[in-house]
Each structure stands twice: as structure tokens, then as C-alpha cells.
Amino acid sequence: QVQLVESGGGLVQAGGSLRLSCAASGRTFIGDGMGWFRQAPGKEREFVAGIRWSAGSTYYADSVKGRFAISRDIVKNTLNLQMNSLKPEDTAVYYCAAKSRAYYPDSYYRKDEYDYWGQGTQVTVSS
């Protein structure tokens, strides 16, 4: 089992920045990698960014490319998401997730590929 706990959410004005973190505990072997998803009220949970744990390869949704950066600390088993140039449409609950299954192209974009989820942290961007 892997337990995931997010932190760093909050209220920020448009154009501002926030940094989310996700601490993983329990099983020390993360598996293939981790990702961030978000869910706005009345919408489906959507992929934001992902990272392969060992190789460090990163994946981003088109809507956040160039503004968000995902990173991981292998020693601390921590996942981060630096969010810059935030927009009101980035408002959502942000979830981190761990993926243990083997990699295949586009697997990081699919929420059903992730086995473990955190409880989420609210990010609100005011205009």
C-alpha cells in the first residue's frame, strides 16, 4: 500500500504561483511513476502532469504546458508541482496519484492507470 498526502493548495490571484507537494509513505517502491490530476466542480477528473519515477520523463496536459513543472525527490519520496501564471480556469481540487503498472505510450494520461490516490488539495485562482 502507498499512502499519499498532498499539501500546498490555497487561494491565489491570477498570474500568481503555487507549489503543491505530495508525500508518499508506506511501500517505498513507487512503481512506474506518479502524476497530478485535477477536478473542477461538475467536471471530470483530468490529467495535469506525470513523471516516470526512475527515468524522470515528464508528461503534461496541453493546458498547462509551459506554466506547470512536475518534479520528484526520489530520496524523500516526494512529488511536486510548481504552478506559475495561474489562471481562474486552473481552479480545482488537485490530486496526486501513484502508478505501479508497466509503462506504455500515453499511459500517464489515463486516470484508470493509477492505483493510489491522495485526498486532494484545493487550488482557487481569483480573477
Foldseek 3Di string as FASTA:
>chain_A
DKAKAKDWADEEAAQAKTKMKIAIDDDLDLAQWKFKWWDDPPDDIFGAKIAGLPPGDIDGDPVQPPFKDWDADSVRRMIMIIGGRDDQVVWTWMKMFTAHDDDDPPLRGDPVRTDDIYPTDTHGYHD
